[in-house]
Amino acid sequence: MFAHLASLVGLIIPLGNIVGPLVVWLIKKDEMAFVDDQGKEALNFNITVGLIGLALFLLTIITFGIGAILTAPLGVVLAIAWIAFTIIAAIKANEGQSYRYPFTLRLVK
């Protein structure tokens, strides 16, 4: 549960959404298999969200701000989905169930 909720640090600290789950996963991955699984899942999801956010930002810059007509609403949808899926994952993990985020790149194996 803490690996999922640690991503909410990103609301306060830049890149905290990746660093939070990474720290929890690195500390506890050898002690508990469930934390290893869910820590990787949280880390992969937050890396994916970060890459999508970076792509939206770059699209805005490349189009000299005109692309913001498209990227701003998509960024809001991305932020809401990120918070919603993170809360759902934390609740499922607290119940002892493995949670798989949708549309996630599995970069950390």
Protein backbone atom coordinates (compact mmCIF):
# COMPACT_ATOMS: atom_id res chain seq x y z
CA MET A 1 0.00 0.00 0.00
CA PHE A 2 2.80 2.42 0.85
CA ALA A 3 4.47 1.87 -2.53
CA HIS A 4 1.31 3.09 -4.24
CA LEU A 5 0.66 5.97 -1.85
CA ALA A 6 4.31 7.05 -1.95
CA SER A 7 3.69 8.25 -5.50
CA LEU A 8 1.49 11.02 -4.12
CA VAL A 9 4.72 12.69 -2.96
CA GLY A 10 4.83 13.85 -6.59
CA LEU A 11 2.13 16.36 -5.73
CA ILE A 12 4.69 18.17 -3.55
CA ILE A 13 8.14 17.26 -4.90
CA PRO A 14 9.01 17.13 -8.62
CA LEU A 15 9.62 13.51 -9.69
CA GLY A 16 8.44 12.39 -6.25
CA ASN A 17 5.87 10.20 -7.97
CA ILE A 18 8.75 8.03 -9.22
CA VAL A 19 11.17 8.41 -6.31
CA GLY A 20 8.56 7.50 -3.65
CA PRO A 21 7.63 4.06 -5.02
CA LEU A 22 11.28 3.43 -5.95
CA VAL A 23 12.46 3.98 -2.38
CA VAL A 24 9.73 1.74 -0.90
CA TRP A 25 10.41 -0.96 -3.48
CA LEU A 26 14.20 -0.89 -3.02
CA ILE A 27 13.94 -1.08 0.77
CA LYS A 28 11.35 -3.88 1.02
CA LYS A 29 11.66 -5.91 -2.21
CA ASP A 30 13.87 -8.61 -0.68
CA GLU A 31 11.79 -8.97 2.50
CA MET A 32 8.28 -9.38 1.06
CA ALA A 33 7.27 -10.80 -2.32
CA PHE A 34 4.00 -8.86 -2.32
CA VAL A 35 5.83 -5.55 -1.82
CA ASP A 36 8.24 -6.52 -4.59
CA ASP A 37 5.34 -7.14 -6.98
CA GLN A 38 3.29 -4.08 -6.07
CA GLY A 39 6.34 -1.82 -5.78
CA LYS A 40 7.35 -2.67 -9.34
CA GLU A 41 3.76 -2.13 -10.47
CA ALA A 42 3.58 1.30 -8.82
CA LEU A 43 6.99 2.26 -10.20
CA ASN A 44 6.10 1.17 -13.74
CA PHE A 45 2.79 3.05 -13.65
CA ASN A 46 4.40 6.25 -12.42
CA ILE A 47 7.18 6.04 -15.01
CA THR A 48 4.49 5.61 -17.68
CA VAL A 49 2.53 8.61 -16.38
CA GLY A 50 5.73 10.65 -16.28
CA LEU A 51 6.57 9.77 -19.88
CA ILE A 52 3.07 10.70 -21.05
CA GLY A 53 3.28 14.00 -19.15
CA LEU A 54 6.68 14.70 -20.71
CA ALA A 55 5.28 13.96 -24.18
CA LEU A 56 2.38 16.35 -23.59
CA PHE A 57 4.78 19.04 -22.38
CA LEU A 58 7.08 18.60 -25.38
CA LEU A 59 4.11 18.74 -27.76
CA THR A 60 3.09 22.03 -26.20
CA ILE A 61 6.63 23.43 -26.57
CA ILE A 62 7.10 22.19 -30.15
CA THR A 63 3.85 23.82 -31.25
CA PHE A 64 4.79 27.10 -29.54
CA GLY A 65 1.88 26.78 -27.13
CA ILE A 66 -0.82 26.22 -29.74
CA GLY A 67 -0.86 22.53 -28.87
CA ALA A 68 -1.96 23.48 -25.35
CA ILE A 69 -5.51 23.49 -26.72
CA LEU A 70 -5.14 19.70 -26.87
CA THR A 71 -2.49 18.99 -24.27
CA ALA A 72 -3.98 20.97 -21.37
CA PRO A 73 -7.24 18.98 -21.24
CA LEU A 74 -5.31 15.74 -21.76
CA GLY A 75 -3.00 16.71 -18.90
CA VAL A 76 -5.97 17.27 -16.60
CA VAL A 77 -7.44 13.89 -17.57
CA LEU A 78 -4.02 12.27 -16.99
CA ALA A 79 -3.71 13.86 -13.52
CA ILE A 80 -7.20 12.76 -12.47
CA ALA A 81 -6.61 9.22 -13.77
CA TRP A 82 -3.24 9.08 -11.99
CA ILE A 83 -4.75 10.02 -8.63
CA ALA A 84 -7.77 7.73 -9.09
CA PHE A 85 -5.75 4.67 -10.12
CA THR A 86 -3.24 5.28 -7.34
CA ILE A 87 -6.00 5.34 -4.70
CA ILE A 88 -7.66 2.24 -6.17
CA ALA A 89 -4.31 0.40 -6.17
CA ALA A 90 -3.61 1.39 -2.55
CA ILE A 91 -7.01 0.14 -1.44
CA LYS A 92 -6.57 -3.18 -3.28
CA ALA A 93 -3.05 -3.62 -1.87
CA ASN A 94 -4.32 -2.88 1.63
CA GLU A 95 -6.83 -5.71 1.13
CA GLY A 96 -3.96 -8.02 0.10
CA GLN A 97 -4.94 -8.17 -3.57
CA SER A 98 -2.47 -7.63 -6.39
CA TYR A 99 -3.45 -4.70 -8.57
CA ARG A 100 -2.45 -4.17 -12.19
CA TYR A 101 -2.66 -0.65 -13.52
CA PRO A 102 -4.18 -0.36 -17.00
CA PHE A 103 -2.09 0.91 -19.94
CA THR A 104 1.22 0.56 -18.11
CA LEU A 105 4.61 -0.01 -19.69
CA ARG A 106 6.33 -2.85 -17.82
CA LEU A 107 9.83 -1.35 -17.75
CA VAL A 108 10.98 -2.63 -14.33
CA LYS A 109 10.75 -6.40 -14.19
